[in-house]
C-alpha atoms as a PDB file:
ATOM      1  CA  UNK A   1     -12.404 -43.845 -17.802  1.00  0.00           C
ATOM      2  CA  UNK A   2     -13.278 -45.522 -14.190  1.00  0.00           C
ATOM      3  CA  UNK A   3     -11.572 -44.275 -11.089  1.00  0.00           C
ATOM      4  CA  UNK A   4     -12.432 -45.644  -8.086  1.00  0.00           C
ATOM      5  CA  UNK A   5     -10.582 -42.722  -5.683  1.00  0.00           C
ATOM      6  CA  UNK A   6     -12.064 -40.352  -7.599  1.00  0.00           C
ATOM      7  CA  UNK A   7     -15.367 -41.759  -7.772  1.00  0.00           C
ATOM      8  CA  UNK A   8     -15.839 -42.155  -4.261  1.00  0.00           C
ATOM      9  CA  UNK A   9     -14.711 -38.926  -3.456  1.00  0.00           C
ATOM     10  CA  UNK A  10     -17.373 -37.459  -6.153  1.00  0.00           C
ATOM     11  CA  UNK A  11     -19.951 -39.442  -4.133  1.00  0.00           C
ATOM     12  CA  UNK A  12     -19.515 -37.739  -0.852  1.00  0.00           C
ATOM     13  CA  UNK A  13     -19.345 -34.557  -2.413  1.00  0.00           C
ATOM     14  CA  UNK A  14     -22.810 -34.914  -4.030  1.00  0.00           C
ATOM     15  CA  UNK A  15     -23.717 -36.165  -0.201  1.00  0.00           C
ATOM     16  CA  UNK A  16     -22.016 -33.191   0.917  1.00  0.00           C
ATOM     17  CA  UNK A  17     -24.131 -30.907  -1.185  1.00  0.00           C
ATOM     18  CA  UNK A  18     -27.576 -32.946  -0.857  1.00  0.00           C
ATOM     19  CA  UNK A  19     -26.833 -32.415   3.281  1.00  0.00           C
ATOM     20  CA  UNK A  20     -26.652 -28.937   2.447  1.00  0.00           C
ATOM     21  CA  UNK A  21     -29.688 -28.820   0.505  1.00  0.00           C
ATOM     22  CA  UNK A  22     -32.270 -30.475   2.425  1.00  0.00           C
ATOM     23  CA  UNK A  23     -30.833 -28.293   5.478  1.00  0.00           C
ATOM     24  CA  UNK A  24     -28.734 -30.851   7.373  1.00  0.00           C
ATOM     25  CA  UNK A  25     -28.545 -34.539   8.793  1.00  0.00           C
ATOM     26  CA  UNK A  26     -31.901 -36.048  10.157  1.00  0.00           C
ATOM     27  CA  UNK A  27     -31.843 -38.166  13.065  1.00  0.00           C
ATOM     28  CA  UNK A  28     -34.874 -41.206  13.163  1.00  0.00           C
ATOM     29  CA  UNK A  29     -35.488 -40.815  17.092  1.00  0.00           C
ATOM     30  CA  UNK A  30     -36.646 -37.247  16.090  1.00  0.00           C
ATOM     31  CA  UNK A  31     -38.697 -37.635  12.828  1.00  0.00           C
ATOM     32  CA  UNK A  32     -42.284 -37.952  12.132  1.00  0.00           C
ATOM     33  CA  UNK A  33     -44.248 -38.672   9.030  1.00  0.00           C
ATOM     34  CA  UNK A  34     -45.351 -34.968   9.211  1.00  0.00           C
ATOM     35  CA  UNK A  35     -42.169 -33.572   8.001  1.00  0.00           C
ATOM     36  CA  UNK A  36     -41.893 -33.147   3.715  1.00  0.00           C
ATOM     37  CA  UNK A  37     -40.993 -36.802   2.932  1.00  0.00           C
ATOM     38  CA  UNK A  38     -41.134 -37.172  -0.727  1.00  0.00           C
ATOM     39  CA  UNK A  39     -43.061 -40.368  -1.654  1.00  0.00           C
ATOM     40  CA  UNK A  40     -40.460 -42.122  -3.120  1.00  0.00           C
ATOM     41  CA  UNK A  41     -36.647 -41.869  -2.936  1.00  0.00           C
ATOM     42  CA  UNK A  42     -33.299 -43.418  -1.797  1.00  0.00           C
ATOM     43  CA  UNK A  43     -31.898 -43.216   1.795  1.00  0.00           C
ATOM     44  CA  UNK A  44     -28.141 -42.989   3.413  1.00  0.00           C
ATOM     45  CA  UNK A  45     -27.493 -43.786   6.822  1.00  0.00           C
ATOM     46  CA  UNK A  46     -24.257 -42.915   8.639  1.00  0.00           C
ATOM     47  CA  UNK A  47     -23.089 -43.684  11.597  1.00  0.00           C
ATOM     48  CA  UNK A  48     -21.135 -41.974  14.805  1.00  0.00           C
ATOM     49  CA  UNK A  49     -17.760 -42.817  14.970  1.00  0.00           C
ATOM     50  CA  UNK A  50     -17.532 -44.106  11.548  1.00  0.00           C
ATOM     51  CA  UNK A  51     -15.403 -41.663   9.406  1.00  0.00           C
ATOM     52  CA  UNK A  52     -13.545 -41.732   6.259  1.00  0.00           C
ATOM     53  CA  UNK A  53      -9.891 -42.302   5.852  1.00  0.00           C
ATOM     54  CA  UNK A  54      -9.189 -39.161   4.017  1.00  0.00           C
ATOM     55  CA  UNK A  55     -11.198 -36.968   6.361  1.00  0.00           C
ATOM     56  CA  UNK A  56     -12.908 -36.789   9.555  1.00  0.00           C
ATOM     57  CA  UNK A  57     -16.332 -36.965   7.583  1.00  0.00           C
ATOM     58  CA  UNK A  58     -18.546 -39.842   8.213  1.00  0.00           C
ATOM     59  CA  UNK A  59     -18.816 -42.418   6.009  1.00  0.00           C
ATOM     60  CA  UNK A  60     -21.734 -44.243   4.747  1.00  0.00           C
ATOM     61  CA  UNK A  61     -23.252 -47.417   6.286  1.00  0.00           C
ATOM     62  CA  UNK A  62     -26.164 -48.077   5.026  1.00  0.00           C
ATOM     63  CA  UNK A  63     -28.086 -47.264   1.785  1.00  0.00           C
ATOM     64  CA  UNK A  64     -31.306 -48.309   0.824  1.00  0.00           C
ATOM     65  CA  UNK A  65     -35.142 -47.299  -1.122  1.00  0.00           C
ATOM     66  CA  UNK A  66     -38.303 -49.074  -1.232  1.00  0.00           C
ATOM     67  CA  UNK A  67     -40.704 -50.164  -3.338  1.00  0.00           C
ATOM     68  CA  UNK A  68     -39.027 -52.116  -6.092  1.00  0.00           C
ATOM     69  CA  UNK A  69     -41.475 -54.847  -6.531  1.00  0.00           C
ATOM     70  CA  UNK A  70     -43.823 -54.368  -9.549  1.00  0.00           C
ATOM     71  CA  UNK A  71     -47.008 -52.409  -8.037  1.00  0.00           C
ATOM     72  CA  UNK A  72     -45.846 -52.063  -4.205  1.00  0.00           C
ATOM     73  CA  UNK A  73     -47.325 -48.557  -2.910  1.00  0.00           C
ATOM     74  CA  UNK A  74     -44.813 -48.222   0.204  1.00  0.00           C
ATOM     75  CA  UNK A  75     -43.607 -44.898   0.290  1.00  0.00           C
ATOM     76  CA  UNK A  76     -40.176 -43.536   1.362  1.00  0.00           C
ATOM     77  CA  UNK A  77     -41.803 -42.899   4.765  1.00  0.00           C
ATOM     78  CA  UNK A  78     -43.093 -46.119   5.414  1.00  0.00           C
ATOM     79  CA  UNK A  79     -39.579 -47.807   5.017  1.00  0.00           C
ATOM     80  CA  UNK A  80     -37.764 -45.280   7.506  1.00  0.00           C
ATOM     81  CA  UNK A  81     -40.757 -45.694   9.781  1.00  0.00           C
ATOM     82  CA  UNK A  82     -40.207 -49.425  10.009  1.00  0.00           C
ATOM     83  CA  UNK A  83     -36.636 -49.308  10.299  1.00  0.00           C
ATOM     84  CA  UNK A  84     -37.106 -46.789  13.529  1.00  0.00           C
ATOM     85  CA  UNK A  85     -39.522 -48.777  15.111  1.00  0.00           C
ATOM     86  CA  UNK A  86     -42.164 -47.574  17.101  1.00  0.00           C
ATOM     87  CA  UNK A  87     -42.643 -44.107  18.992  1.00  0.00           C
ATOM     88  CA  UNK A  88     -42.299 -46.329  22.554  1.00  0.00           C
ATOM     89  CA  UNK A  89     -39.142 -47.474  21.504  1.00  0.00           C
ATOM     90  CA  UNK A  90     -40.122 -51.356  20.188  1.00  0.00           C
ATOM     91  CA  UNK A  91     -40.177 -52.007  16.850  1.00  0.00           C
ATOM     92  CA  UNK A  92     -40.180 -55.731  14.457  1.00  0.00           C
ATOM     93  CA  UNK A  93     -37.056 -56.623  13.257  1.00  0.00           C
ATOM     94  CA  UNK A  94     -38.868 -59.310  11.198  1.00  0.00           C
ATOM     95  CA  UNK A  95     -39.703 -56.352   8.881  1.00  0.00           C
ATOM     96  CA  UNK A  96     -36.773 -54.508   8.571  1.00  0.00           C
ATOM     97  CA  UNK A  97     -33.643 -56.503   7.567  1.00  0.00           C
ATOM     98  CA  UNK A  98     -32.182 -53.511   8.689  1.00  0.00           C
ATOM     99  CA  UNK A  99     -32.774 -54.098  12.317  1.00  0.00           C
ATOM    100  CA  UNK A 100     -32.301 -57.375  12.010  1.00  0.00           C
ATOM    101  CA  UNK A 101     -28.734 -57.162  11.483  1.00  0.00           C
ATOM    102  CA  UNK A 102     -27.954 -54.583  13.993  1.00  0.00           C
ATOM    103  CA  UNK A 103     -29.522 -56.852  16.083  1.00  0.00           C
ATOM    104  CA  UNK A 104     -27.712 -60.127  15.567  1.00  0.00           C
ATOM    105  CA  UNK A 105     -24.258 -57.691  15.945  1.00  0.00           C
ATOM    106  CA  UNK A 106     -26.152 -56.801  19.452  1.00  0.00           C
ATOM    107  CA  UNK A 107     -26.677 -59.964  20.514  1.00  0.00           C
ATOM    108  CA  UNK A 108     -23.077 -60.935  20.022  1.00  0.00           C
ATOM    109  CA  UNK A 109     -21.803 -58.370  22.221  1.00  0.00           C
ATOM    110  CA  UNK A 110     -24.251 -58.404  25.245  1.00  0.00           C
ATOM    111  CA  UNK A 111     -26.243 -60.062  27.466  1.00  0.00           C
ATOM    112  CA  UNK A 112     -29.319 -61.597  26.408  1.00  0.00           C
ATOM    113  CA  UNK A 113     -31.763 -64.004  27.602  1.00  0.00           C
ATOM    114  CA  UNK A 114     -31.291 -67.441  25.726  1.00  0.00           C
ATOM    115  CA  UNK A 115     -34.965 -67.456  24.270  1.00  0.00           C
ATOM    116  CA  UNK A 116     -34.069 -64.004  22.681  1.00  0.00           C
ATOM    117  CA  UNK A 117     -30.755 -65.772  20.701  1.00  0.00           C
ATOM    118  CA  UNK A 118     -33.360 -68.612  20.119  1.00  0.00           C
ATOM    119  CA  UNK A 119     -36.248 -66.668  18.315  1.00  0.00           C
ATOM    120  CA  UNK A 120     -34.677 -63.517  17.073  1.00  0.00           C
ATOM    121  CA  UNK A 121     -35.008 -63.321  13.262  1.00  0.00           C
ATOM    122  CA  UNK A 122     -36.963 -66.456  13.072  1.00  0.00           C
ATOM    123  CA  UNK A 123     -39.992 -66.263  11.061  1.00  0.00           C
ATOM    124  CA  UNK A 124     -41.811 -64.139   9.299  1.00  0.00           C
ATOM    125  CA  UNK A 125     -43.928 -63.192  12.605  1.00  0.00           C
ATOM    126  CA  UNK A 126     -43.830 -64.008  16.414  1.00  0.00           C
ATOM    127  CA  UNK A 127     -46.672 -64.671  18.886  1.00  0.00           C
ATOM    128  CA  UNK A 128     -46.981 -61.780  21.637  1.00  0.00           C
ATOM    129  CA  UNK A 129     -45.108 -63.772  24.466  1.00  0.00           C
ATOM    130  CA  UNK A 130     -42.047 -64.203  22.056  1.00  0.00           C
ATOM    131  CA  UNK A 131     -41.903 -60.622  21.009  1.00  0.00           C
ATOM    132  CA  UNK A 132     -42.572 -59.135  24.586  1.00  0.00           C
ATOM    133  CA  UNK A 133     -39.129 -61.572  25.156  1.00  0.00           C
ATOM    134  CA  UNK A 134     -37.266 -59.760  22.279  1.00  0.00           C
ATOM    135  CA  UNK A 135     -38.815 -56.249  23.287  1.00  0.00           C
ATOM    136  CA  UNK A 136     -35.542 -55.512  25.354  1.00  0.00           C
ATOM    137  CA  UNK A 137     -33.692 -56.220  22.578  1.00  0.00           C
ATOM    138  CA  UNK A 138     -36.016 -54.409  19.998  1.00  0.00           C
ATOM    139  CA  UNK A 139     -35.505 -50.993  22.230  1.00  0.00           C
ATOM    140  CA  UNK A 140     -31.888 -51.483  22.090  1.00  0.00           C
ATOM    141  CA  UNK A 141     -32.202 -51.632  18.161  1.00  0.00           C
ATOM    142  CA  UNK A 142     -34.570 -48.788  17.881  1.00  0.00           C
ATOM    143  CA  UNK A 143     -31.796 -46.694  20.314  1.00  0.00           C
ATOM    144  CA  UNK A 144     -28.794 -47.501  18.136  1.00  0.00           C
ATOM    145  CA  UNK A 145     -30.598 -46.943  14.776  1.00  0.00           C
ATOM    146  CA  UNK A 146     -32.021 -43.716  15.745  1.00  0.00           C
ATOM    147  CA  UNK A 147     -28.819 -41.902  16.617  1.00  0.00           C
ATOM    148  CA  UNK A 148     -27.434 -42.283  13.036  1.00  0.00           C
ATOM    149  CA  UNK A 149     -27.565 -39.494  10.923  1.00  0.00           C
ATOM    150  CA  UNK A 150     -29.303 -40.271   7.589  1.00  0.00           C
ATOM    151  CA  UNK A 151     -29.534 -38.028   4.157  1.00  0.00           C
ATOM    152  CA  UNK A 152     -32.554 -38.980   1.509  1.00  0.00           C
ATOM    153  CA  UNK A 153     -32.575 -37.800  -1.960  1.00  0.00           C
ATOM    154  CA  UNK A 154     -36.228 -37.547  -3.617  1.00  0.00           C
ATOM    155  CA  UNK A 155     -36.583 -40.361  -6.526  1.00  0.00           C
ATOM    156  CA  UNK A 156     -40.347 -40.942  -7.813  1.00  0.00           C
ATOM    157  CA  UNK A 157     -40.878 -43.249 -10.531  1.00  0.00           C
ATOM    158  CA  UNK A 158     -42.512 -46.532 -10.802  1.00  0.00           C
ATOM    159  CA  UNK A 159     -42.030 -49.323  -8.588  1.00  0.00           C
ATOM    160  CA  UNK A 160     -39.910 -51.887  -9.955  1.00  0.00           C
ATOM    161  CA  UNK A 161     -36.384 -53.615 -10.056  1.00  0.00           C
ATOM    162  CA  UNK A 162     -35.402 -51.595 -13.247  1.00  0.00           C
ATOM    163  CA  UNK A 163     -36.518 -48.492 -11.233  1.00  0.00           C
ATOM    164  CA  UNK A 164     -34.166 -45.559 -11.111  1.00  0.00           C
ATOM    165  CA  UNK A 165     -34.282 -45.698  -7.447  1.00  0.00           C
ATOM    166  CA  UNK A 166     -32.983 -49.272  -7.670  1.00  0.00           C
ATOM    167  CA  UNK A 167     -30.335 -48.141  -9.596  1.00  0.00           C
ATOM    168  CA  UNK A 168     -28.815 -45.583  -7.612  1.00  0.00           C
ATOM    169  CA  UNK A 169     -29.325 -47.906  -4.323  1.00  0.00           C
ATOM    170  CA  UNK A 170     -27.055 -51.098  -6.603  1.00  0.00           C
ATOM    171  CA  UNK A 171     -24.802 -48.270  -7.649  1.00  0.00           C
ATOM    172  CA  UNK A 172     -23.873 -46.745  -4.063  1.00  0.00           C
ATOM    173  CA  UNK A 173     -23.586 -49.883  -2.585  1.00  0.00           C
ATOM    174  CA  UNK A 174     -21.623 -51.284  -4.830  1.00  0.00           C
ATOM    175  CA  UNK A 175     -19.174 -48.048  -5.091  1.00  0.00           C
ATOM    176  CA  UNK A 176     -19.073 -47.977  -1.309  1.00  0.00           C
ATOM    177  CA  UNK A 177     -18.236 -51.976  -0.682  1.00  0.00           C
ATOM    178  CA  UNK A 178     -15.307 -53.264   0.619  1.00  0.00           C
ATOM    179  CA  UNK A 179     -16.170 -57.215  -0.641  1.00  0.00           C
ATOM    180  CA  UNK A 180     -14.370 -56.690  -3.989  1.00  0.00           C
ATOM    181  CA  UNK A 181     -11.557 -54.376  -3.352  1.00  0.00           C
ATOM    182  CA  UNK A 182      -9.988 -53.371  -0.239  1.00  0.00           C
ATOM    183  CA  UNK A 183     -10.939 -49.879  -0.817  1.00  0.00           C
ATOM    184  CA  UNK A 184      -9.960 -46.809   1.505  1.00  0.00           C
ATOM    185  CA  UNK A 185     -13.145 -46.284   3.644  1.00  0.00           C
ATOM    186  CA  UNK A 186     -12.717 -49.465   5.888  1.00  0.00           C
ATOM    187  CA  UNK A 187     -14.820 -49.627   9.016  1.00  0.00           C
ATOM    188  CA  UNK A 188     -13.171 -48.654  12.146  1.00  0.00           C
ATOM    189  CA  UNK A 189     -12.023 -51.458  14.789  1.00  0.00           C
ATOM    190  CA  UNK A 190     -14.921 -50.646  16.685  1.00  0.00           C
ATOM    191  CA  UNK A 191     -17.801 -50.894  14.380  1.00  0.00           C
ATOM    192  CA  UNK A 192     -20.534 -52.873  15.814  1.00  0.00           C
ATOM    193  CA  UNK A 193     -20.864 -54.224  12.172  1.00  0.00           C
ATOM    194  CA  UNK A 194     -17.714 -56.571  12.653  1.00  0.00           C
ATOM    195  CA  UNK A 195     -19.910 -58.316  15.383  1.00  0.00           C
ATOM    196  CA  UNK A 196     -22.866 -59.108  12.513  1.00  0.00           C
ATOM    197  CA  UNK A 197     -24.240 -62.652  12.062  1.00  0.00           C
ATOM    198  CA  UNK A 198     -24.321 -61.837   8.189  1.00  0.00           C
ATOM    199  CA  UNK A 199     -20.439 -62.201   7.190  1.00  0.00           C
ATOM    200  CA  UNK A 200     -21.397 -60.037   3.479  1.00  0.00           C
ATOM    201  CA  UNK A 201     -22.034 -57.079   6.430  1.00  0.00           C
ATOM    202  CA  UNK A 202     -18.134 -57.568   8.153  1.00  0.00           C
ATOM    203  CA  UNK A 203     -16.996 -57.956   4.793  1.00  0.00           C
ATOM    204  CA  UNK A 204     -18.726 -55.102   2.961  1.00  0.00           C
ATOM    205  CA  UNK A 205     -18.166 -52.402   6.108  1.00  0.00           C
ATOM    206  CA  UNK A 206     -21.747 -51.903   5.040  1.00  0.00           C
ATOM    207  CA  UNK A 207     -25.447 -52.712   6.670  1.00  0.00           C
ATOM    208  CA  UNK A 208     -26.245 -54.233   3.718  1.00  0.00           C
ATOM    209  CA  UNK A 209     -25.836 -57.528   1.919  1.00  0.00           C
ATOM    210  CA  UNK A 210     -27.489 -57.205  -1.435  1.00  0.00           C
ATOM    211  CA  UNK A 211     -25.350 -55.852  -4.200  1.00  0.00           C
ATOM    212  CA  UNK A 212     -21.959 -55.605  -1.927  1.00  0.00           C
ATOM    213  CA  UNK A 213     -20.288 -58.166  -4.702  1.00  0.00           C
ATOM    214  CA  UNK A 214     -21.234 -56.079  -7.548  1.00  0.00           C
ATOM    215  CA  UNK A 215     -19.326 -53.391  -9.271  1.00  0.00           C
ATOM    216  CA  UNK A 216     -20.732 -50.350 -10.093  1.00  0.00           C
ATOM    217  CA  UNK A 217     -21.321 -48.349 -13.159  1.00  0.00           C
ATOM    218  CA  UNK A 218     -19.605 -44.641 -12.759  1.00  0.00           C
ATOM    219  CA  UNK A 219     -22.624 -42.854 -14.637  1.00  0.00           C
ATOM    220  CA  UNK A 220     -24.709 -43.184 -11.964  1.00  0.00           C
ATOM    221  CA  UNK A 221     -23.282 -40.275 -10.114  1.00  0.00           C
ATOM    222  CA  UNK A 222     -24.029 -38.146 -12.814  1.00  0.00           C
ATOM    223  CA  UNK A 223     -27.449 -38.936 -12.339  1.00  0.00           C
ATOM    224  CA  UNK A 224     -27.693 -38.879  -8.302  1.00  0.00           C
ATOM    225  CA  UNK A 225     -25.843 -35.217  -8.536  1.00  0.00           C
ATOM    226  CA  UNK A 226     -28.739 -34.683 -10.942  1.00  0.00           C
ATOM    227  CA  UNK A 227     -31.449 -35.718  -8.181  1.00  0.00           C
ATOM    228  CA  UNK A 228     -29.658 -33.892  -5.547  1.00  0.00           C
ATOM    229  CA  UNK A 229     -29.147 -30.472  -7.388  1.00  0.00           C
ATOM    230  CA  UNK A 230     -33.276 -30.969  -7.514  1.00  0.00           C
ATOM    231  CA  UNK A 231     -33.604 -31.000  -3.956  1.00  0.00           C
END
């Protein structure tokens, strides 16, 4: 029988085991491609100041994966570096929905040129002059995401919408989301996501919009634990 509270606690117990097995949290601000990344995986971002109601443990605020389209060759590090941005501190929010959402929240809470407000999130690409105007906000996004601790689990399988990576991502988001039911791990009053332009981020308490209205399959926890134990 499904028990949400027990399943949520179990999920975080698995994450704690995963943290110990990989040697602690990582931060994108200090990560490089020379580190021992698996080719494929699922990642879990936490956020300073965001804790679980039942304890002082940090709560997950973003779950993601990569290469879910058939034939995709994108690696885990490819995806993470897109979220991180460049070594110079800028980035491309048009290539990362995570960066896009964080940027809209920062726009709502800070002073930025009107031109940035008009161009942010518009189009799949932008000319150099637009990117130059947006660079200040891109740097703020990189700093914000770069300070978020994260974990990852190796899940290497064939790219596609029915991949095991997608199964873990989908169910983890559904379990963590506050949309369907007002669950126990609500975001803090000061969480930046409250200011995100996308309502689903505000409602879910996650920097995710896909799968936040779905129910979860508790059996995914068995699979997730098995994967974590192999790290």
